[in-house]
Amino acid sequence: MAIILVTGIQAAGKSTIAQALAEQLDRSVHVRGDLFRRMVVNGRAEMGAANPSAEAVRQLMLRYQLAAATADGYVNAGFTVVWQDIIIGSYLTEVMSAVQSRPLYLVVLAPRADVVQRREDERRAKRGKTAYKPGDQSVVELDTLFRAETPKIGMWLDNSDQTVEQTVGEVLARVWNEAVV
């Protein structure tokens, strides 16, 4: 029983990798941090822009706290949790300190910005899903910020040229020794 926190920018592959990883583990749960954001029906404040409002930051921290408590609850019930969310910069250390369960492993998916842009374009074309909206940070801007401000802890993985299966295989081969925080 443990928590594996998977993070990265939008379109880094977090959801896909976290689900596939959870499917490889016994008694596992996939906690999708974004679900807590989507539960807000009225009054949701989006982070999006480079200078988010105080309310957007407050809701983001609530989302992280709820996801951490959920992950802890599942670990206490005997499950290994794969928790996936976008956690950038100093928020990462705050989130990890909110998690009570140990061991806690951190996997940071860090594909190249051009690969993220291609994935974003494919998602938009296939599903009409857009993570990078006009007026928000571009892929390159967010990737630059992410790499500059996110603490270099846990296991960082450039999954640019890997299939889902290859990424999950590499995570499983390395996570238990390299990703503990």
Foldseek 3Di string as FASTA:
>chain_A
DEEEEEAEDPQLCQVVLLVVLQVVDPQEDEAELCVQQVVDPPDRFDQFAPDGDPRNVVSSVVSLLVSLVVCLVSVVVPYYYYYYDYQAFPSVVVSVVSHPDDFYFYEYRQADLVLSVVSQVVCCVPPVDHPRDPNGDHSVRVSVRRVVGHDPAGHYDHCSPPDSVVVSVVCVVPGVPGGGD
